[in-house]
């Protein structure tokens, strides 16, 4: 649970008003560097993919990695003109703030694996209506 403690310490000291932001970047990179991994950078294109999926789930009342049209995270990222060689997605619902969502993902083996994947080079994060959170991690080709 060392990674959980690191995330909590970082997030306790940061504002979470904007998600395309230093708080999300610092929280994610603190976790990654504690594991000896390279940091990731923020990507507006990945945030756009996360935003589109979060808004669609909220508008149409579903919660899934697969879009209503059968799209995958890779499809949604490609639609943003991001040519990827690695892509992963974390989703969450109900967490009130960035600290809570990062805690939940850090404690979930699959979500944690996505955030600490050595192939990830960039990310985007969006909180939609109904407290739907989507994080997309990727690496360009």
N, C-alpha and C. Protein backbone atom coordinates (compact mmCIF):
# COMPACT_ATOMS: atom_id res chain seq x y z
N UNK A 1 0.80 -1.20 0.00
CA UNK A 1 0.00 0.00 0.00
C UNK A 1 0.84 1.27 0.00
N UNK A 2 2.15 1.11 -0.25
CA UNK A 2 3.02 2.28 -0.31
C UNK A 2 2.56 3.24 -1.40
N UNK A 3 2.15 2.70 -2.57
CA UNK A 3 1.71 3.55 -3.66
C UNK A 3 0.46 4.35 -3.26
N UNK A 4 -0.41 3.75 -2.48
CA UNK A 4 -1.61 4.43 -1.99
C UNK A 4 -1.21 5.61 -1.10
N UNK A 5 -0.25 5.41 -0.22
CA UNK A 5 0.19 6.46 0.67
C UNK A 5 0.83 7.61 -0.12
N UNK A 6 1.58 7.28 -1.15
CA UNK A 6 2.21 8.31 -1.98
C UNK A 6 1.15 9.15 -2.68
N UNK A 7 0.17 8.49 -3.27
CA UNK A 7 -0.91 9.21 -3.95
C UNK A 7 -1.65 10.12 -2.98
N UNK A 8 -1.98 9.60 -1.81
CA UNK A 8 -2.70 10.41 -0.82
C UNK A 8 -1.90 11.63 -0.39
N UNK A 9 -0.60 11.45 -0.17
CA UNK A 9 0.24 12.56 0.26
C UNK A 9 0.30 13.64 -0.80
N UNK A 10 0.47 13.25 -2.03
CA UNK A 10 0.55 14.22 -3.12
C UNK A 10 -0.77 14.94 -3.28
N UNK A 11 -1.86 14.19 -3.30
CA UNK A 11 -3.16 14.81 -3.55
C UNK A 11 -3.63 15.69 -2.40
N UNK A 12 -3.22 15.38 -1.19
CA UNK A 12 -3.61 16.20 -0.05
C UNK A 12 -3.08 17.61 -0.16
N UNK A 13 -1.96 17.77 -0.88
CA UNK A 13 -1.34 19.08 -0.98
C UNK A 13 -1.72 19.85 -2.24
N UNK A 14 -2.58 19.29 -3.08
CA UNK A 14 -2.87 19.91 -4.36
C UNK A 14 -4.33 20.27 -4.52
N UNK A 15 -4.57 21.29 -5.30
CA UNK A 15 -5.92 21.65 -5.69
C UNK A 15 -6.38 20.72 -6.81
N UNK A 16 -7.66 20.40 -6.85
CA UNK A 16 -8.17 19.52 -7.90
C UNK A 16 -9.20 20.23 -8.76
N UNK A 17 -9.03 21.52 -8.96
CA UNK A 17 -10.03 22.26 -9.71
C UNK A 17 -10.02 21.97 -11.20
N UNK A 18 -8.88 21.67 -11.77
CA UNK A 18 -8.80 21.38 -13.20
C UNK A 18 -8.16 20.02 -13.38
N UNK A 19 -8.73 19.21 -14.25
CA UNK A 19 -8.23 17.86 -14.39
C UNK A 19 -7.14 17.72 -15.45
N UNK A 20 -6.99 18.69 -16.31
CA UNK A 20 -5.95 18.65 -17.33
C UNK A 20 -4.71 19.23 -16.73
N UNK A 21 -4.43 18.91 -15.59
CA UNK A 21 -3.73 19.74 -14.65
C UNK A 21 -2.53 19.13 -13.99
N UNK A 22 -1.87 19.96 -13.29
CA UNK A 22 -0.73 19.50 -12.52
C UNK A 22 -1.10 18.49 -11.43
N UNK A 23 -2.26 18.61 -10.82
CA UNK A 23 -2.63 17.68 -9.73
C UNK A 23 -2.73 16.25 -10.24
N UNK A 24 -3.43 16.05 -11.34
CA UNK A 24 -3.56 14.70 -11.89
C UNK A 24 -2.23 14.19 -12.40
N UNK A 25 -1.49 15.06 -13.06
CA UNK A 25 -0.19 14.66 -13.59
C UNK A 25 0.75 14.29 -12.45
N UNK A 26 0.78 15.10 -11.43
CA UNK A 26 1.69 14.83 -10.31
C UNK A 26 1.29 13.56 -9.56
N UNK A 27 0.00 13.35 -9.37
CA UNK A 27 -0.44 12.14 -8.67
C UNK A 27 -0.06 10.89 -9.45
N UNK A 28 -0.33 10.89 -10.74
CA UNK A 28 -0.02 9.74 -11.57
C UNK A 28 1.50 9.53 -11.65
N UNK A 29 2.24 10.60 -11.84
CA UNK A 29 3.69 10.46 -11.97
C UNK A 29 4.37 10.11 -10.66
N UNK A 30 3.81 10.51 -9.53
CA UNK A 30 4.37 10.10 -8.24
C UNK A 30 4.26 8.59 -8.09
N UNK A 31 3.13 8.06 -8.49
CA UNK A 31 2.94 6.61 -8.45
C UNK A 31 3.95 5.92 -9.37
N UNK A 32 4.06 6.42 -10.59
CA UNK A 32 4.95 5.80 -11.58
C UNK A 32 6.42 5.88 -11.15
N UNK A 33 6.86 7.04 -10.70
CA UNK A 33 8.27 7.17 -10.33
C UNK A 33 8.59 6.37 -9.08
N UNK A 34 7.61 6.15 -8.20
CA UNK A 34 7.87 5.30 -7.02
C UNK A 34 8.14 3.87 -7.43
N UNK A 35 7.75 3.51 -8.63
CA UNK A 35 7.98 2.17 -9.17
C UNK A 35 9.14 2.16 -10.17
N UNK A 36 9.86 3.27 -10.25
CA UNK A 36 11.01 3.35 -11.15
C UNK A 36 10.64 3.52 -12.61
N UNK A 37 9.45 4.03 -12.87
CA UNK A 37 8.98 4.20 -14.24
C UNK A 37 9.08 5.65 -14.69
N UNK A 38 9.18 5.82 -15.97
CA UNK A 38 9.22 7.16 -16.54
C UNK A 38 7.88 7.87 -16.32
N UNK A 39 7.92 9.17 -16.14
CA UNK A 39 6.67 9.93 -16.01
C UNK A 39 5.91 9.97 -17.33
N UNK A 40 4.63 10.28 -17.24
CA UNK A 40 3.80 10.49 -18.42
C UNK A 40 3.49 11.97 -18.53
N UNK A 41 3.10 12.39 -19.72
CA UNK A 41 2.73 13.78 -19.95
C UNK A 41 1.24 13.86 -20.27
N UNK A 42 0.68 15.01 -20.02
CA UNK A 42 -0.73 15.27 -20.32
C UNK A 42 -0.92 15.40 -21.83
N UNK A 43 -2.03 14.86 -22.32
CA UNK A 43 -2.37 14.98 -23.74
C UNK A 43 -3.80 15.49 -23.89
N UNK A 44 -3.96 16.59 -24.59
CA UNK A 44 -5.29 17.14 -24.86
C UNK A 44 -6.12 16.16 -25.70
N UNK A 45 -5.49 15.45 -26.61
CA UNK A 45 -6.22 14.48 -27.43
C UNK A 45 -6.74 13.33 -26.59
N UNK A 46 -5.94 12.87 -25.65
CA UNK A 46 -6.40 11.78 -24.78
C UNK A 46 -7.49 12.27 -23.83
N UNK A 47 -7.37 13.51 -23.37
CA UNK A 47 -8.44 14.06 -22.54
C UNK A 47 -9.73 14.16 -23.36
N UNK A 48 -9.63 14.55 -24.62
CA UNK A 48 -10.82 14.64 -25.47
C UNK A 48 -11.49 13.28 -25.63
N UNK A 49 -10.69 12.23 -25.77
CA UNK A 49 -11.26 10.88 -25.86
C UNK A 49 -11.93 10.49 -24.55
N UNK A 50 -11.29 10.81 -23.43
CA UNK A 50 -11.88 10.51 -22.11
C UNK A 50 -13.17 11.30 -21.92
N UNK A 51 -13.15 12.56 -22.30
CA UNK A 51 -14.33 13.42 -22.15
C UNK A 51 -15.50 12.91 -22.98
N UNK A 52 -15.24 12.56 -24.22
CA UNK A 52 -16.32 12.08 -25.08
C UNK A 52 -16.98 10.83 -24.49
N UNK A 53 -16.16 9.93 -23.95
CA UNK A 53 -16.73 8.69 -23.39
C UNK A 53 -17.48 8.97 -22.09
N UNK A 54 -16.92 9.82 -21.23
CA UNK A 54 -17.60 10.15 -19.97
C UNK A 54 -18.94 10.84 -20.23
N UNK A 55 -18.96 11.77 -21.16
CA UNK A 55 -20.22 12.48 -21.47
C UNK A 55 -21.25 11.55 -22.10
N UNK A 56 -20.81 10.63 -22.95
CA UNK A 56 -21.74 9.68 -23.56
C UNK A 56 -22.33 8.75 -22.51
N UNK A 57 -21.49 8.25 -21.60
CA UNK A 57 -22.01 7.37 -20.54
C UNK A 57 -23.01 8.11 -19.67
N UNK A 58 -22.70 9.36 -19.30
CA UNK A 58 -23.60 10.12 -18.45
C UNK A 58 -24.92 10.42 -19.17
N UNK A 59 -24.83 10.83 -20.41
CA UNK A 59 -26.03 11.19 -21.18
C UNK A 59 -26.95 10.00 -21.41
N UNK A 60 -26.37 8.84 -21.64
CA UNK A 60 -27.17 7.67 -22.01
C UNK A 60 -27.31 6.63 -20.90
N UNK A 61 -26.84 6.95 -19.72
CA UNK A 61 -27.07 6.11 -18.55
C UNK A 61 -26.45 4.73 -18.59
N UNK A 62 -25.21 4.64 -19.01
CA UNK A 62 -24.52 3.36 -18.94
C UNK A 62 -23.13 3.58 -18.38
N UNK A 63 -22.46 2.50 -18.04
CA UNK A 63 -21.12 2.58 -17.47
C UNK A 63 -20.35 1.36 -17.94
N UNK A 64 -19.48 1.55 -18.93
CA UNK A 64 -18.75 0.43 -19.51
C UNK A 64 -17.57 0.94 -20.31
N UNK A 65 -16.60 0.07 -20.51
CA UNK A 65 -15.46 0.43 -21.37
C UNK A 65 -15.88 0.46 -22.83
N UNK A 66 -16.84 -0.33 -23.19
CA UNK A 66 -17.33 -0.35 -24.57
C UNK A 66 -18.37 0.75 -24.75
N UNK A 67 -18.22 1.53 -25.81
CA UNK A 67 -19.18 2.58 -26.10
C UNK A 67 -20.50 2.02 -26.59
N UNK A 68 -21.52 2.83 -26.59
CA UNK A 68 -22.85 2.39 -27.06
C UNK A 68 -22.79 1.89 -28.50
N UNK A 69 -21.89 2.44 -29.27
CA UNK A 69 -21.76 2.06 -30.68
C UNK A 69 -20.78 0.91 -30.88
N UNK A 70 -20.35 0.30 -29.77
CA UNK A 70 -19.40 -0.80 -29.85
C UNK A 70 -17.95 -0.36 -29.87
N UNK A 71 -17.71 0.93 -29.73
CA UNK A 71 -16.34 1.44 -29.79
C UNK A 71 -15.51 1.00 -28.59
N UNK A 72 -14.23 0.85 -28.85
CA UNK A 72 -13.25 0.57 -27.80
C UNK A 72 -12.51 1.87 -27.47
N UNK A 73 -11.72 1.82 -26.41
CA UNK A 73 -10.90 2.99 -26.10
C UNK A 73 -9.97 3.32 -27.27
N UNK A 74 -9.46 2.30 -27.94
CA UNK A 74 -8.60 2.54 -29.10
C UNK A 74 -9.32 3.27 -30.21
N UNK A 75 -10.58 2.90 -30.44
CA UNK A 75 -11.38 3.59 -31.45
C UNK A 75 -11.58 5.06 -31.08
N UNK A 76 -11.87 5.31 -29.81
CA UNK A 76 -12.13 6.69 -29.37
C UNK A 76 -10.86 7.54 -29.43
N UNK A 77 -9.72 6.95 -29.14
CA UNK A 77 -8.46 7.68 -29.22
C UNK A 77 -8.10 7.95 -30.68
N UNK A 78 -8.31 6.98 -31.53
CA UNK A 78 -8.04 7.16 -32.96
C UNK A 78 -8.91 8.27 -33.54
N UNK A 79 -10.14 8.38 -33.07
CA UNK A 79 -11.05 9.43 -33.54
C UNK A 79 -10.51 10.82 -33.21
N UNK A 80 -9.68 10.91 -32.19
CA UNK A 80 -9.06 12.20 -31.82
C UNK A 80 -7.76 12.45 -32.58
N UNK A 81 -7.48 11.61 -33.57
CA UNK A 81 -6.28 11.73 -34.41
C UNK A 81 -4.99 11.50 -33.61
N UNK A 82 -5.07 10.58 -32.68
CA UNK A 82 -3.89 10.16 -31.91
C UNK A 82 -3.55 8.76 -32.41
N UNK A 83 -2.42 8.63 -33.07
CA UNK A 83 -1.99 7.33 -33.59
C UNK A 83 -1.25 6.60 -32.47
N UNK A 84 -1.88 5.58 -31.93
CA UNK A 84 -1.34 4.92 -30.75
C UNK A 84 -0.78 3.53 -31.06
N UNK A 85 0.20 3.15 -30.24
CA UNK A 85 0.75 1.79 -30.25
C UNK A 85 0.39 1.08 -28.95
N UNK A 86 0.06 1.85 -27.93
CA UNK A 86 -0.41 1.33 -26.64
C UNK A 86 -1.55 2.22 -26.20
N UNK A 87 -2.62 1.61 -25.68
CA UNK A 87 -3.73 2.38 -25.14
C UNK A 87 -4.40 1.58 -24.02
N UNK A 88 -4.84 2.28 -22.98
CA UNK A 88 -5.55 1.66 -21.87
C UNK A 88 -6.52 2.70 -21.30
N UNK A 89 -7.52 2.19 -20.59
CA UNK A 89 -8.55 3.09 -20.05
C UNK A 89 -8.95 2.66 -18.66
N UNK A 90 -9.08 3.63 -17.77
CA UNK A 90 -9.65 3.42 -16.44
C UNK A 90 -10.95 4.21 -16.38
N UNK A 91 -12.00 3.60 -15.82
CA UNK A 91 -13.24 4.32 -15.59
C UNK A 91 -13.63 4.13 -14.13
N UNK A 92 -14.36 5.10 -13.61
CA UNK A 92 -14.84 5.06 -12.24
C UNK A 92 -16.12 5.87 -12.17
N UNK A 93 -16.92 5.57 -11.16
CA UNK A 93 -18.17 6.32 -10.99
C UNK A 93 -18.45 6.50 -9.51
N UNK A 94 -18.78 7.73 -9.14
CA UNK A 94 -19.22 8.02 -7.79
C UNK A 94 -18.21 8.71 -6.91
N UNK A 95 -16.95 8.65 -7.23
CA UNK A 95 -15.94 9.30 -6.40
C UNK A 95 -16.11 10.81 -6.47
N UNK A 96 -15.98 11.46 -5.31
CA UNK A 96 -16.23 12.90 -5.23
C UNK A 96 -15.10 13.76 -5.73
N UNK A 97 -13.87 13.25 -5.68
CA UNK A 97 -12.74 14.09 -6.06
C UNK A 97 -11.60 13.24 -6.60
N UNK A 98 -10.59 13.92 -7.08
CA UNK A 98 -9.44 13.25 -7.69
C UNK A 98 -8.77 12.31 -6.71
N UNK A 99 -8.65 12.71 -5.47
CA UNK A 99 -8.03 11.85 -4.46
C UNK A 99 -8.75 10.52 -4.35
N UNK A 100 -10.05 10.55 -4.28
CA UNK A 100 -10.83 9.31 -4.15
C UNK A 100 -10.71 8.43 -5.38
N UNK A 101 -10.77 9.03 -6.55
CA UNK A 101 -10.71 8.21 -7.76
C UNK A 101 -9.32 7.58 -7.91
N UNK A 102 -8.28 8.33 -7.60
CA UNK A 102 -6.93 7.76 -7.70
C UNK A 102 -6.71 6.68 -6.65
N UNK A 103 -7.28 6.85 -5.47
CA UNK A 103 -7.21 5.81 -4.44
C UNK A 103 -7.85 4.52 -4.94
N UNK A 104 -9.04 4.66 -5.49
CA UNK A 104 -9.75 3.50 -5.99
C UNK A 104 -8.98 2.77 -7.08
N UNK A 105 -8.44 3.52 -8.01
CA UNK A 105 -7.67 2.91 -9.09
C UNK A 105 -6.38 2.29 -8.57
N UNK A 106 -5.73 2.92 -7.60
CA UNK A 106 -4.49 2.37 -7.04
C UNK A 106 -4.75 1.04 -6.32
N UNK A 107 -5.96 0.88 -5.80
CA UNK A 107 -6.31 -0.34 -5.07
C UNK A 107 -6.94 -1.41 -5.95
N UNK A 108 -7.10 -1.15 -7.22
CA UNK A 108 -7.68 -2.11 -8.16
C UNK A 108 -6.56 -2.64 -9.05
N UNK A 109 -6.32 -3.95 -9.03
CA UNK A 109 -5.19 -4.49 -9.80
C UNK A 109 -5.18 -4.11 -11.28
N UNK A 110 -6.30 -4.17 -11.94
CA UNK A 110 -6.35 -3.83 -13.36
C UNK A 110 -6.09 -2.37 -13.63
N UNK A 111 -6.73 -1.50 -12.85
CA UNK A 111 -6.53 -0.06 -13.02
C UNK A 111 -5.09 0.34 -12.66
N UNK A 112 -4.58 -0.25 -11.60
CA UNK A 112 -3.21 0.02 -11.18
C UNK A 112 -2.23 -0.40 -12.28
N UNK A 113 -2.48 -1.56 -12.87
CA UNK A 113 -1.62 -2.04 -13.96
C UNK A 113 -1.62 -1.06 -15.13
N UNK A 114 -2.77 -0.48 -15.45
CA UNK A 114 -2.83 0.51 -16.53
C UNK A 114 -1.99 1.74 -16.19
N UNK A 115 -2.12 2.24 -14.96
CA UNK A 115 -1.42 3.46 -14.57
C UNK A 115 0.09 3.24 -14.46
N UNK A 116 0.50 2.02 -14.22
CA UNK A 116 1.93 1.74 -14.06
C UNK A 116 2.50 0.96 -15.25
N UNK A 117 1.79 0.96 -16.35
CA UNK A 117 2.27 0.26 -17.53
C UNK A 117 3.47 1.01 -18.12
N UNK A 118 4.56 0.32 -18.31
CA UNK A 118 5.78 0.95 -18.83
C UNK A 118 5.60 1.53 -20.23
N UNK A 119 4.62 1.05 -20.97
CA UNK A 119 4.41 1.54 -22.33
C UNK A 119 3.70 2.89 -22.37
N UNK A 120 3.02 3.26 -21.31
CA UNK A 120 2.27 4.53 -21.31
C UNK A 120 3.24 5.70 -21.38
N UNK A 121 2.92 6.67 -22.23
CA UNK A 121 3.74 7.86 -22.36
C UNK A 121 2.97 9.14 -22.11
N UNK A 122 1.65 9.05 -22.24
CA UNK A 122 0.82 10.23 -22.03
C UNK A 122 -0.54 9.80 -21.50
N UNK A 123 -1.31 10.77 -21.02
CA UNK A 123 -2.63 10.46 -20.47
C UNK A 123 -3.55 11.67 -20.60
N UNK A 124 -4.83 11.38 -20.46
CA UNK A 124 -5.86 12.40 -20.35
C UNK A 124 -6.86 11.93 -19.32
N UNK A 125 -7.44 12.84 -18.59
CA UNK A 125 -8.40 12.51 -17.53
C UNK A 125 -9.55 13.49 -17.59
N UNK A 126 -10.76 12.97 -17.42
CA UNK A 126 -11.94 13.83 -17.43
C UNK A 126 -12.95 13.34 -16.42
N UNK A 127 -13.55 14.27 -15.68
CA UNK A 127 -14.66 13.96 -14.79
C UNK A 127 -15.92 14.50 -15.43
N UNK A 128 -16.84 13.60 -15.75
CA UNK A 128 -18.09 13.99 -16.37
C UNK A 128 -19.22 14.12 -15.37
N UNK A 129 -20.42 14.39 -15.87
CA UNK A 129 -21.59 14.44 -15.00
C UNK A 129 -21.79 13.10 -14.28
N UNK A 130 -22.53 13.14 -13.21
CA UNK A 130 -22.81 11.93 -12.42
C UNK A 130 -21.54 11.32 -11.85
N UNK A 131 -20.50 12.14 -11.69
CA UNK A 131 -19.22 11.69 -11.13
C UNK A 131 -18.66 10.49 -11.89
N UNK A 132 -18.72 10.57 -13.19
CA UNK A 132 -18.12 9.55 -14.05
C UNK A 132 -16.73 10.04 -14.43
N UNK A 133 -15.74 9.23 -14.12
CA UNK A 133 -14.34 9.55 -14.37
C UNK A 133 -13.78 8.63 -15.45
N UNK A 134 -13.04 9.19 -16.38
CA UNK A 134 -12.38 8.39 -17.40
C UNK A 134 -10.93 8.87 -17.53
N UNK A 135 -9.99 7.91 -17.44
CA UNK A 135 -8.58 8.19 -17.69
C UNK A 135 -8.15 7.33 -18.87
N UNK A 136 -7.50 7.95 -19.83
CA UNK A 136 -6.95 7.24 -20.98
C UNK A 136 -5.44 7.41 -20.94
N UNK A 137 -4.74 6.30 -21.03
CA UNK A 137 -3.28 6.28 -21.10
C UNK A 137 -2.90 5.71 -22.45
N UNK A 138 -1.84 6.27 -23.05
CA UNK A 138 -1.45 5.79 -24.37
C UNK A 138 0.00 6.12 -24.66
N UNK A 139 0.48 5.56 -25.75
CA UNK A 139 1.78 5.90 -26.30
C UNK A 139 1.63 5.98 -27.80
N UNK A 140 2.20 7.01 -28.41
CA UNK A 140 2.11 7.14 -29.86
C UNK A 140 3.04 6.17 -30.56
N UNK A 141 2.70 5.88 -31.81
CA UNK A 141 3.58 5.05 -32.64
C UNK A 141 4.69 5.89 -33.21
